[in-house]
Amino acid sequence: MRTYKDQINFFGKIIENARLAHDLSREELAQELQLRGIIVDRSYIYRIEKQKSIIKDYELVAIAKILDIDINNYKNDF
C-alpha cells in the first residue's frame, strides 16, 4: 500500500482532533455523513482517524465541512 511519510492518510489525526473539539462521537459523525449520502459507520471513522484506512476525496471534503476544517491550511505540509 502506498504511504506518505509512513502514513496511509494525512488527515486522520486532524479529523479526530476536530471531531473531539466539536464534541461529536464517531457515530454522530458517521450519521452526519450519511445525511449527505456518504454511507459509512463508526468503525470506518475509527480506521480513518487511526490512519488505518485511505480516505476518499469526497469523504474528506464532507468531513471538513461538518467539522469546520479548512483543508487549505494544510497545503504547505506536502
C-alpha atoms as a PDB file:
ATOM      1  CA  MET A   1       0.000   0.000   0.000  1.00  0.00           C
ATOM      2  CA  ARG A   2       1.243   3.462  -0.822  1.00  0.00           C
ATOM      3  CA  THR A   3       2.022   5.781   2.054  1.00  0.00           C
ATOM      4  CA  TYR A   4       3.173   9.332   2.625  1.00  0.00           C
ATOM      5  CA  LYS A   5       5.668   9.818   5.439  1.00  0.00           C
ATOM      6  CA  ASP A   6       4.743   6.296   6.601  1.00  0.00           C
ATOM      7  CA  GLN A   7       1.063   7.235   6.905  1.00  0.00           C
ATOM      8  CA  ILE A   8      -1.842   5.795   4.951  1.00  0.00           C
ATOM      9  CA  ASN A   9      -3.702   9.092   5.240  1.00  0.00           C
ATOM     10  CA  PHE A  10      -2.584  12.549   6.283  1.00  0.00           C
ATOM     11  CA  PHE A  11      -5.807  13.881   7.797  1.00  0.00           C
ATOM     12  CA  GLY A  12      -6.677  11.138  10.289  1.00  0.00           C
ATOM     13  CA  LYS A  13      -5.368  12.865  13.404  1.00  0.00           C
ATOM     14  CA  ILE A  14      -6.649  16.240  12.213  1.00  0.00           C
ATOM     15  CA  ILE A  15     -10.132  14.764  11.800  1.00  0.00           C
ATOM     16  CA  GLU A  16     -10.018  13.105  15.206  1.00  0.00           C
ATOM     17  CA  ASN A  17      -8.938  16.323  16.949  1.00  0.00           C
ATOM     18  CA  ALA A  18     -11.614  18.368  15.170  1.00  0.00           C
ATOM     19  CA  ARG A  19     -14.298  15.783  15.943  1.00  0.00           C
ATOM     20  CA  LEU A  20     -13.392  15.843  19.630  1.00  0.00           C
ATOM     21  CA  ALA A  21     -13.317  19.655  19.626  1.00  0.00           C
ATOM     22  CA  HIS A  22     -16.869  19.617  18.225  1.00  0.00           C
ATOM     23  CA  ASP A  23     -17.866  17.102  20.923  1.00  0.00           C
ATOM     24  CA  LEU A  24     -19.078  14.577  18.346  1.00  0.00           C
ATOM     25  CA  SER A  25     -18.861  10.836  18.704  1.00  0.00           C
ATOM     26  CA  ARG A  26     -17.713   8.717  15.782  1.00  0.00           C
ATOM     27  CA  GLU A  27     -21.295   7.506  15.468  1.00  0.00           C
ATOM     28  CA  GLU A  28     -22.579  11.084  15.230  1.00  0.00           C
ATOM     29  CA  LEU A  29     -20.007  11.962  12.576  1.00  0.00           C
ATOM     30  CA  ALA A  30     -20.984   8.847  10.604  1.00  0.00           C
ATOM     31  CA  GLN A  31     -24.639   9.896  10.844  1.00  0.00           C
ATOM     32  CA  GLU A  32     -23.817  13.382   9.564  1.00  0.00           C
ATOM     33  CA  LEU A  33     -22.024  11.833   6.607  1.00  0.00           C
ATOM     34  CA  GLN A  34     -24.959   9.516   5.949  1.00  0.00           C
ATOM     35  CA  LEU A  35     -27.265  12.549   5.797  1.00  0.00           C
ATOM     36  CA  ARG A  36     -25.035  13.766   2.958  1.00  0.00           C
ATOM     37  CA  GLY A  37     -25.310  10.455   1.129  1.00  0.00           C
ATOM     38  CA  ILE A  38     -21.965   9.026   2.231  1.00  0.00           C
ATOM     39  CA  ILE A  39     -22.679   5.661   3.789  1.00  0.00           C
ATOM     40  CA  VAL A  40     -20.091   4.917   6.473  1.00  0.00           C
ATOM     41  CA  ASP A  41     -20.180   3.626  10.026  1.00  0.00           C
ATOM     42  CA  ARG A  42     -18.325   4.497  13.198  1.00  0.00           C
ATOM     43  CA  SER A  43     -15.735   1.762  12.659  1.00  0.00           C
ATOM     44  CA  TYR A  44     -14.777   3.355   9.341  1.00  0.00           C
ATOM     45  CA  ILE A  45     -14.369   6.727  11.076  1.00  0.00           C
ATOM     46  CA  TYR A  46     -12.134   4.970  13.623  1.00  0.00           C
ATOM     47  CA  ARG A  47      -9.979   3.472  10.848  1.00  0.00           C
ATOM     48  CA  ILE A  48      -9.611   6.881   9.176  1.00  0.00           C
ATOM     49  CA  GLU A  49      -8.659   8.589  12.444  1.00  0.00           C
ATOM     50  CA  LYS A  50      -6.144   5.886  13.345  1.00  0.00           C
ATOM     51  CA  GLN A  51      -4.695   6.122   9.812  1.00  0.00           C
ATOM     52  CA  LYS A  52      -5.574   2.521   9.015  1.00  0.00           C
ATOM     53  CA  SER A  53      -7.770   3.381   6.029  1.00  0.00           C
ATOM     54  CA  ILE A  54      -7.443   5.602   2.995  1.00  0.00           C
ATOM     55  CA  ILE A  55      -9.937   8.457   2.937  1.00  0.00           C
ATOM     56  CA  LYS A  56     -11.621   9.276  -0.350  1.00  0.00           C
ATOM     57  CA  ASP A  57     -11.545  12.861  -1.575  1.00  0.00           C
ATOM     58  CA  TYR A  58     -15.317  13.358  -1.343  1.00  0.00           C
ATOM     59  CA  GLU A  59     -15.301  11.939   2.198  1.00  0.00           C
ATOM     60  CA  LEU A  60     -12.567  14.366   3.201  1.00  0.00           C
ATOM     61  CA  VAL A  61     -14.459  17.336   1.752  1.00  0.00           C
ATOM     62  CA  ALA A  62     -17.676  16.327   3.546  1.00  0.00           C
ATOM     63  CA  ILE A  63     -15.909  15.708   6.866  1.00  0.00           C
ATOM     64  CA  ALA A  64     -14.078  19.033   6.540  1.00  0.00           C
ATOM     65  CA  LYS A  65     -17.399  20.829   6.054  1.00  0.00           C
ATOM     66  CA  ILE A  66     -19.006  19.072   9.018  1.00  0.00           C
ATOM     67  CA  LEU A  67     -16.049  19.743  11.330  1.00  0.00           C
ATOM     68  CA  ASP A  68     -15.138  23.219  10.005  1.00  0.00           C
ATOM     69  CA  ILE A  69     -11.680  22.098   8.867  1.00  0.00           C
ATOM     70  CA  ASP A  70     -10.038  24.415   6.326  1.00  0.00           C
ATOM     71  CA  ILE A  71      -8.126  21.966   4.154  1.00  0.00           C
ATOM     72  CA  ASN A  72      -6.166  24.844   2.614  1.00  0.00           C
ATOM     73  CA  ASN A  73      -4.425  25.379   5.951  1.00  0.00           C
ATOM     74  CA  TYR A  74      -2.523  22.139   5.300  1.00  0.00           C
ATOM     75  CA  LYS A  75      -1.424  22.623   1.689  1.00  0.00           C
ATOM     76  CA  ASN A  76       2.115  23.600   2.753  1.00  0.00           C
ATOM     77  CA  ASP A  77       2.521  20.339   4.659  1.00  0.00           C
ATOM     78  CA  PHE A  78       3.077  18.462   1.399  1.00  0.00           C
END
